[in-house]
């Protein structure tokens, strides 16, 4: 499979970077073709420009060459894997901005003749979200996990009914021991090898 891994964490020595690297290694070991997009390392601009907003509903909604390159990777991916920390009960702004700028009409979804939204990511067979949380699971559940909802519901709706989804979360990371972090990395590795 063609697997696109999207990483959203600014610090290269973070656990999220280790997670993304472990996931990519496991996916490659399993025989998949993997492309990693490290959004911070690429200097991806989160904010949509006025020009992009005007173009959004046109026949050419993407005006930035980097966004176009990422959209082509999404268009050809059989699996999408998102790795990020949950901050303020959601995904980092850079990832939200990436979705807004890349998953435009014709890429993330499409309109039918009646103007209704229809899936455009029907080639995606697997959807994976991996996140770290400062808070324990019960707190995250109580306040709502908006990043997870965006990936597991909104994106999932646009991939079609047969897409299988997986969520991996490491909760209470602020108090997690090195052994607990390593166990989570091993869990990520196992799940990615079995993708």
Protein backbone atom coordinates (compact mmCIF):
# COMPACT_ATOMS: atom_id res chain seq x y z
CA UNK A 1 0.00 0.00 0.00
CA UNK A 2 0.93 3.64 -0.44
CA UNK A 3 0.95 5.08 3.10
CA UNK A 4 1.07 8.78 3.87
CA UNK A 5 2.19 9.60 7.42
CA UNK A 6 1.49 13.16 8.55
CA UNK A 7 3.44 14.33 11.60
CA UNK A 8 2.60 17.53 13.50
CA UNK A 9 5.04 18.25 16.34
CA UNK A 10 7.61 21.08 16.39
CA UNK A 11 10.34 19.35 18.41
CA UNK A 12 12.55 16.81 16.65
CA UNK A 13 13.41 14.95 19.86
CA UNK A 14 9.75 14.57 20.92
CA UNK A 15 7.94 11.33 21.60
CA UNK A 16 5.68 12.16 18.62
CA UNK A 17 8.72 12.12 16.32
CA UNK A 18 9.78 8.79 17.81
CA UNK A 19 6.24 7.48 17.23
CA UNK A 20 6.27 8.61 13.59
CA UNK A 21 9.69 7.06 12.99
CA UNK A 22 8.67 3.78 14.63
CA UNK A 23 5.45 3.73 12.58
CA UNK A 24 7.31 4.42 9.32
CA UNK A 25 9.90 1.73 10.03
CA UNK A 26 7.22 -0.84 10.86
CA UNK A 27 5.19 0.05 7.77
CA UNK A 28 8.25 -0.28 5.52
CA UNK A 29 9.17 -3.59 7.17
CA UNK A 30 5.65 -4.80 6.34
CA UNK A 31 6.30 -3.97 2.67
CA UNK A 32 4.41 -0.69 2.31
CA UNK A 33 5.63 2.37 0.43
CA UNK A 34 5.74 5.17 3.01
CA UNK A 35 5.93 8.93 2.61
CA UNK A 36 6.41 11.03 5.76
CA UNK A 37 5.30 14.67 5.87
CA UNK A 38 6.84 16.42 8.89
CA UNK A 39 4.75 19.59 8.73
CA UNK A 40 6.94 21.69 11.03
CA UNK A 41 10.19 20.62 9.35
CA UNK A 42 8.64 21.50 5.99
CA UNK A 43 7.66 24.95 7.26
CA UNK A 44 4.05 24.32 6.27
CA UNK A 45 1.96 27.48 6.66
CA UNK A 46 -1.23 26.71 8.58
CA UNK A 47 -3.25 29.79 7.68
CA UNK A 48 -5.26 29.86 4.47
CA UNK A 49 -4.59 33.02 2.45
CA UNK A 50 -7.26 35.28 0.99
CA UNK A 51 -6.26 34.04 -2.48
CA UNK A 52 -6.77 30.42 -1.37
CA UNK A 53 -10.17 31.22 0.13
CA UNK A 54 -11.31 32.87 -3.10
CA UNK A 55 -10.06 29.86 -5.10
CA UNK A 56 -11.61 27.32 -2.69
CA UNK A 57 -14.85 26.80 -4.66
CA UNK A 58 -13.27 27.26 -8.08
CA UNK A 59 -12.15 24.54 -10.47
CA UNK A 60 -8.56 25.08 -9.23
CA UNK A 61 -8.86 25.39 -5.44
CA UNK A 62 -5.13 24.88 -4.76
CA UNK A 63 -2.79 27.78 -5.56
CA UNK A 64 0.31 26.88 -3.48
CA UNK A 65 2.77 24.39 -5.08
CA UNK A 66 3.57 22.73 -1.72
CA UNK A 67 -0.14 22.24 -1.00
CA UNK A 68 -0.57 20.80 -4.50
CA UNK A 69 2.27 18.32 -3.84
CA UNK A 70 0.64 17.23 -0.58
CA UNK A 71 -2.77 16.92 -2.23
CA UNK A 72 -1.30 14.58 -4.85
CA UNK A 73 0.14 12.41 -2.07
CA UNK A 74 -3.30 12.29 -0.42
CA UNK A 75 -4.97 11.49 -3.73
CA UNK A 76 -2.74 8.45 -4.26
CA UNK A 77 -2.60 7.17 -0.66
CA UNK A 78 -4.16 3.86 0.26
CA UNK A 79 -3.67 4.65 3.95
CA UNK A 80 -3.45 7.88 5.95
CA UNK A 81 -1.67 7.96 9.31
CA UNK A 82 -1.79 11.08 11.50
CA UNK A 83 0.67 11.51 14.40
CA UNK A 84 0.29 14.52 16.70
CA UNK A 85 -0.01 15.71 20.30
CA UNK A 86 -3.42 16.73 21.57
CA UNK A 87 -3.25 20.34 22.76
CA UNK A 88 -6.30 22.21 24.08
CA UNK A 89 -8.49 19.17 23.34
CA UNK A 90 -7.61 19.19 19.66
CA UNK A 91 -4.90 18.80 17.05
CA UNK A 92 -2.13 21.42 16.68
CA UNK A 93 -3.02 24.41 14.49
CA UNK A 94 -0.54 23.34 11.82
CA UNK A 95 -2.41 20.05 11.28
CA UNK A 96 -5.83 21.73 11.29
CA UNK A 97 -4.49 24.25 8.75
CA UNK A 98 -3.04 21.43 6.66
CA UNK A 99 -6.44 19.77 6.50
CA UNK A 100 -8.13 23.07 5.57
CA UNK A 101 -5.62 23.83 2.80
CA UNK A 102 -5.10 20.29 1.41
CA UNK A 103 -8.51 18.61 1.83
CA UNK A 104 -10.26 21.05 -0.49
CA UNK A 105 -13.13 20.17 -2.84
CA UNK A 106 -11.93 17.49 -5.24
CA UNK A 107 -9.34 16.16 -2.78
CA UNK A 108 -10.97 15.69 0.63
CA UNK A 109 -14.54 15.61 -0.63
CA UNK A 110 -16.57 16.45 -3.73
CA UNK A 111 -19.94 17.88 -4.60
CA UNK A 112 -22.47 15.95 -6.67
CA UNK A 113 -24.84 17.53 -9.23
CA UNK A 114 -27.24 18.54 -6.43
CA UNK A 115 -24.47 20.26 -4.47
CA UNK A 116 -24.35 17.59 -1.78
CA UNK A 117 -21.01 16.57 -0.29
CA UNK A 118 -19.79 13.14 -1.34
CA UNK A 119 -16.62 11.15 -0.51
CA UNK A 120 -13.54 11.90 -2.61
CA UNK A 121 -11.05 9.75 -0.67
CA UNK A 122 -12.58 6.43 -1.67
CA UNK A 123 -9.15 4.93 -2.49
CA UNK A 124 -8.19 5.15 1.22
CA UNK A 125 -8.53 1.69 2.76
CA UNK A 126 -6.98 2.43 6.17
CA UNK A 127 -7.17 5.49 8.41
CA UNK A 128 -5.00 5.73 11.54
CA UNK A 129 -4.77 8.39 14.24
CA UNK A 130 -2.01 8.36 16.83
CA UNK A 131 -1.95 11.01 19.55
CA UNK A 132 -0.35 11.78 22.88
CA UNK A 133 -2.30 13.48 25.66
CA UNK A 134 -1.18 15.32 28.77
CA UNK A 135 -4.44 14.42 30.48
CA UNK A 136 -5.74 11.02 31.58
CA UNK A 137 -8.28 9.20 29.42
CA UNK A 138 -11.28 10.05 31.65
CA UNK A 139 -10.56 13.77 31.41
CA UNK A 140 -10.12 13.62 27.64
CA UNK A 141 -13.42 11.77 27.31
CA UNK A 142 -15.19 14.34 29.52
CA UNK A 143 -14.00 17.42 27.60
CA UNK A 144 -14.28 15.88 24.11
CA UNK A 145 -11.45 14.73 21.89
CA UNK A 146 -11.90 17.07 18.93
CA UNK A 147 -8.81 15.93 17.00
CA UNK A 148 -9.92 12.32 17.17
CA UNK A 149 -13.43 13.30 16.06
CA UNK A 150 -12.00 15.18 13.07
CA UNK A 151 -9.96 12.20 11.91
CA UNK A 152 -12.18 9.29 12.89
CA UNK A 153 -15.49 10.89 11.88
CA UNK A 154 -15.06 13.77 9.45
CA UNK A 155 -12.22 12.34 7.39
CA UNK A 156 -13.64 8.83 7.74
CA UNK A 157 -16.95 9.98 6.20
CA UNK A 158 -15.02 11.08 3.12
CA UNK A 159 -13.14 7.81 2.66
CA UNK A 160 -16.15 5.58 2.12
CA UNK A 161 -17.80 2.78 4.03
CA UNK A 162 -15.14 0.12 3.62
CA UNK A 163 -12.27 2.07 5.20
CA UNK A 164 -10.99 0.50 8.40
CA UNK A 165 -9.94 2.92 11.13
CA UNK A 166 -7.56 2.63 14.09
CA UNK A 167 -6.98 4.99 17.02
CA UNK A 168 -3.91 4.77 19.27
CA UNK A 169 -3.65 7.16 22.19
CA UNK A 170 -1.09 7.54 24.96
CA UNK A 171 -2.86 9.30 27.81
CA UNK A 172 -1.34 11.11 30.84
CA UNK A 173 1.99 11.40 29.02
CA UNK A 174 3.19 14.02 31.52
CA UNK A 175 3.39 11.33 34.21
CA UNK A 176 4.17 8.32 31.97
CA UNK A 177 7.31 6.41 32.82
CA UNK A 178 9.98 5.60 30.23
CA UNK A 179 8.75 1.99 30.31
CA UNK A 180 5.16 3.09 29.58
CA UNK A 181 6.34 5.23 26.68
CA UNK A 182 8.35 2.33 25.28
CA UNK A 183 5.35 0.00 25.59
CA UNK A 184 3.31 2.50 23.59
CA UNK A 185 6.01 2.66 20.88
CA UNK A 186 5.95 -1.13 20.73
CA UNK A 187 2.15 -1.06 20.42
CA UNK A 188 2.42 1.42 17.52
CA UNK A 189 5.00 -0.80 15.85
CA UNK A 190 2.82 -3.93 16.17
CA UNK A 191 -0.26 -2.18 14.81
CA UNK A 192 1.61 -0.67 11.86
CA UNK A 193 3.19 -3.99 10.93
CA UNK A 194 -0.31 -5.48 10.84
CA UNK A 195 -1.85 -2.62 8.81
